[in-house]
Every structure is written in C-alpha cells, then in structure tokens.
Amino acid sequence: MAESSKSPAEEKRKVTVTEALAQLPGEKGERFATVFKHGSLLVEIYAPRGIDPQKPHTRDEIYTARGIK
C-alpha cells in the first residue's frame, strides 16, 4: 500500500472540538492549528490567551465561539 502524501488535516473529514483542541498549543507555542484542509478551504482552531495579537487577514473568515465551564 502506497503512503499518502496528505497531512492529517487533509485526510480527515470530521474533526471534533476535543481533537482540535488537542493540537494546541503547537510545537512552538502557536495559538492556532489547521485541523481540516480541502482545496482552498482551511479550518483552523485558534485559542487566544490574554491579549489577542492578530492583525487583519487577507482571507475571509468565519468564527464560532465555545465557552468552557
């Protein structure tokens, strides 16, 4: 069987919030991770801590929020 050259984000079609959160923080302390990729669509999880240092983006974005009790 040939090995796939796709990343885990490209292989999966369903990602739970728990699976996405498990990718944070990244190896270098990143606050975001790509959890799904298909063509030009990227689904990322972002978990700001304290001050949010983001700048305006060149791509359209949709945000959802999840509170933790």
N, C-alpha and C. Protein backbone atom coordinates (compact mmCIF):
# COMPACT_ATOMS: atom_id res chain seq x y z
N MET A 1 0.84 -1.17 0.00
CA MET A 1 0.00 0.00 0.00
C MET A 1 0.89 1.24 0.00
N ALA A 2 0.63 2.17 -0.90
CA ALA A 2 1.43 3.40 -1.00
C ALA A 2 1.10 4.35 0.14
N GLU A 3 2.13 5.04 0.62
CA GLU A 3 1.91 6.01 1.68
C GLU A 3 1.30 7.27 1.10
N SER A 4 0.40 7.90 1.87
CA SER A 4 -0.25 9.12 1.43
C SER A 4 0.66 10.31 1.70
N SER A 5 0.66 11.27 0.77
CA SER A 5 1.44 12.49 0.98
C SER A 5 0.59 13.58 1.60
N LYS A 6 -0.64 13.25 1.96
CA LYS A 6 -1.54 14.23 2.57
C LYS A 6 -1.27 14.34 4.06
N SER A 7 -1.46 15.56 4.57
CA SER A 7 -1.31 15.78 6.01
C SER A 7 -2.55 15.24 6.73
N PRO A 8 -2.48 15.06 8.06
CA PRO A 8 -3.66 14.61 8.80
C PRO A 8 -4.86 15.54 8.58
N ALA A 9 -4.62 16.85 8.44
CA ALA A 9 -5.71 17.79 8.22
C ALA A 9 -6.39 17.56 6.87
N GLU A 10 -5.65 17.01 5.90
CA GLU A 10 -6.22 16.74 4.58
C GLU A 10 -6.89 15.37 4.52
N GLU A 11 -6.51 14.46 5.38
CA GLU A 11 -7.04 13.10 5.39
C GLU A 11 -8.42 13.02 6.04
N LYS A 12 -8.62 13.74 7.12
CA LYS A 12 -9.84 13.63 7.91
C LYS A 12 -10.98 14.43 7.33
N ARG A 13 -12.18 13.94 7.46
CA ARG A 13 -13.37 14.66 7.00
C ARG A 13 -14.21 15.16 8.17
N LYS A 14 -13.92 14.69 9.37
CA LYS A 14 -14.67 15.10 10.55
C LYS A 14 -13.66 15.29 11.69
N VAL A 15 -13.75 16.44 12.36
CA VAL A 15 -12.85 16.74 13.47
C VAL A 15 -13.69 17.27 14.61
N THR A 16 -13.55 16.68 15.78
CA THR A 16 -14.29 17.17 16.94
C THR A 16 -13.53 18.33 17.58
N VAL A 17 -14.22 19.11 18.38
CA VAL A 17 -13.58 20.21 19.09
C VAL A 17 -12.49 19.66 20.01
N THR A 18 -12.74 18.55 20.64
CA THR A 18 -11.75 17.93 21.53
C THR A 18 -10.48 17.56 20.75
N GLU A 19 -10.63 16.97 19.55
CA GLU A 19 -9.47 16.64 18.73
C GLU A 19 -8.72 17.89 18.30
N ALA A 20 -9.46 18.93 17.94
CA ALA A 20 -8.82 20.18 17.51
C ALA A 20 -8.05 20.82 18.66
N LEU A 21 -8.67 20.87 19.83
CA LEU A 21 -8.00 21.47 21.00
C LEU A 21 -6.75 20.71 21.40
N ALA A 22 -6.73 19.41 21.14
CA ALA A 22 -5.57 18.59 21.49
C ALA A 22 -4.33 18.99 20.68
N GLN A 23 -4.51 19.73 19.60
CA GLN A 23 -3.39 20.17 18.78
C GLN A 23 -2.78 21.49 19.29
N LEU A 24 -3.37 22.04 20.34
CA LEU A 24 -2.89 23.32 20.89
C LEU A 24 -2.23 23.11 22.24
N PRO A 25 -1.26 23.90 22.59
CA PRO A 25 -0.53 24.78 21.70
C PRO A 25 0.35 23.96 20.76
N GLY A 26 0.79 24.59 19.67
CA GLY A 26 1.66 23.92 18.71
C GLY A 26 3.04 23.71 19.29
N GLU A 27 3.90 23.06 18.52
CA GLU A 27 5.26 22.74 18.97
C GLU A 27 6.05 23.97 19.39
N LYS A 28 5.78 25.09 18.75
CA LYS A 28 6.49 26.34 19.05
C LYS A 28 5.60 27.29 19.84
N GLY A 29 4.57 26.75 20.48
CA GLY A 29 3.67 27.58 21.28
C GLY A 29 2.60 28.30 20.48
N GLU A 30 2.39 27.90 19.23
CA GLU A 30 1.38 28.55 18.40
C GLU A 30 0.01 28.47 19.06
N ARG A 31 -0.77 29.52 18.85
CA ARG A 31 -2.12 29.60 19.40
C ARG A 31 -3.16 29.03 18.44
N PHE A 32 -2.74 28.57 17.26
CA PHE A 32 -3.67 28.05 16.27
C PHE A 32 -3.12 26.78 15.65
N ALA A 33 -4.03 26.02 15.05
CA ALA A 33 -3.63 24.81 14.31
C ALA A 33 -4.62 24.59 13.19
N THR A 34 -4.15 24.10 12.06
CA THR A 34 -5.03 23.73 10.95
C THR A 34 -5.56 22.34 11.23
N VAL A 35 -6.89 22.21 11.27
CA VAL A 35 -7.49 20.92 11.61
C VAL A 35 -8.18 20.26 10.42
N PHE A 36 -8.39 21.03 9.34
CA PHE A 36 -9.02 20.47 8.14
C PHE A 36 -8.60 21.31 6.95
N LYS A 37 -8.29 20.63 5.84
CA LYS A 37 -7.91 21.29 4.59
C LYS A 37 -8.59 20.59 3.44
N HIS A 38 -9.15 21.39 2.53
CA HIS A 38 -9.71 20.84 1.30
C HIS A 38 -9.66 21.94 0.25
N GLY A 39 -8.84 21.75 -0.78
CA GLY A 39 -8.68 22.80 -1.78
C GLY A 39 -8.19 24.08 -1.12
N SER A 40 -8.90 25.18 -1.35
CA SER A 40 -8.50 26.46 -0.75
C SER A 40 -9.15 26.70 0.61
N LEU A 41 -9.98 25.75 1.08
CA LEU A 41 -10.63 25.88 2.39
C LEU A 41 -9.69 25.40 3.49
N LEU A 42 -9.49 26.23 4.50
CA LEU A 42 -8.74 25.85 5.69
C LEU A 42 -9.64 26.04 6.90
N VAL A 43 -9.72 25.05 7.75
CA VAL A 43 -10.43 25.19 9.02
C VAL A 43 -9.36 25.13 10.09
N GLU A 44 -9.28 26.20 10.87
CA GLU A 44 -8.27 26.28 11.92
C GLU A 44 -8.94 26.48 13.26
N ILE A 45 -8.25 26.07 14.28
CA ILE A 45 -8.69 26.36 15.64
C ILE A 45 -7.73 27.39 16.19
N TYR A 46 -8.28 28.36 16.91
CA TYR A 46 -7.47 29.44 17.48
C TYR A 46 -7.89 29.62 18.92
N ALA A 47 -6.93 29.66 19.81
CA ALA A 47 -7.21 29.81 21.23
C ALA A 47 -6.38 30.96 21.79
N PRO A 48 -6.91 32.19 21.73
CA PRO A 48 -6.16 33.32 22.25
C PRO A 48 -5.99 33.21 23.76
N ARG A 49 -4.91 33.72 24.23
CA ARG A 49 -4.62 33.76 25.68
C ARG A 49 -4.23 35.18 26.02
N GLY A 50 -4.95 35.81 26.92
CA GLY A 50 -4.63 37.18 27.28
C GLY A 50 -4.93 38.12 26.12
N ILE A 51 -3.96 38.89 25.69
CA ILE A 51 -4.13 39.83 24.59
C ILE A 51 -4.05 39.07 23.27
N ASP A 52 -4.97 39.38 22.36
CA ASP A 52 -5.01 38.74 21.05
C ASP A 52 -4.16 39.56 20.08
N PRO A 53 -3.00 39.02 19.62
CA PRO A 53 -2.10 39.77 18.77
C PRO A 53 -2.42 39.73 17.27
N GLN A 54 -3.57 39.15 16.90
CA GLN A 54 -3.88 39.02 15.47
C GLN A 54 -3.97 40.37 14.78
N LYS A 55 -3.62 40.36 13.51
CA LYS A 55 -3.73 41.52 12.63
C LYS A 55 -4.80 41.19 11.59
N PRO A 56 -5.29 42.19 10.84
CA PRO A 56 -6.27 41.89 9.78
C PRO A 56 -5.72 40.83 8.81
N HIS A 57 -6.63 39.99 8.32
CA HIS A 57 -6.27 38.90 7.43
C HIS A 57 -6.64 39.21 5.98
N THR A 58 -6.00 38.53 5.06
CA THR A 58 -6.30 38.71 3.64
C THR A 58 -7.37 37.73 3.15
N ARG A 59 -7.78 36.79 4.01
CA ARG A 59 -8.79 35.80 3.65
C ARG A 59 -10.06 36.05 4.44
N ASP A 60 -11.20 35.65 3.87
CA ASP A 60 -12.45 35.72 4.60
C ASP A 60 -12.40 34.71 5.73
N GLU A 61 -13.08 35.03 6.83
CA GLU A 61 -13.09 34.14 7.98
C GLU A 61 -14.49 34.04 8.57
N ILE A 62 -14.74 32.90 9.18
CA ILE A 62 -15.96 32.68 9.95
C ILE A 62 -15.50 32.24 11.33
N TYR A 63 -16.08 32.83 12.35
CA TYR A 63 -15.70 32.49 13.72
C TYR A 63 -16.87 31.86 14.44
N THR A 64 -16.57 30.88 15.26
CA THR A 64 -17.52 30.36 16.22
C THR A 64 -16.83 30.43 17.57
N ALA A 65 -17.60 30.50 18.61
CA ALA A 65 -17.03 30.59 19.95
C ALA A 65 -17.53 29.44 20.79
N ARG A 66 -16.65 28.94 21.62
CA ARG A 66 -17.02 27.84 22.52
C ARG A 66 -16.55 28.24 23.90
N GLY A 67 -17.47 28.30 24.82
CA GLY A 67 -17.13 28.60 26.19
C GLY A 67 -16.79 27.34 26.95
N ILE A 68 -15.94 27.50 27.93
CA ILE A 68 -15.56 26.37 28.78
C ILE A 68 -16.02 26.68 30.20
N LYS A 69 -16.76 25.74 30.77
CA LYS A 69 -17.25 25.95 32.13
C LYS A 69 -16.35 25.29 33.13
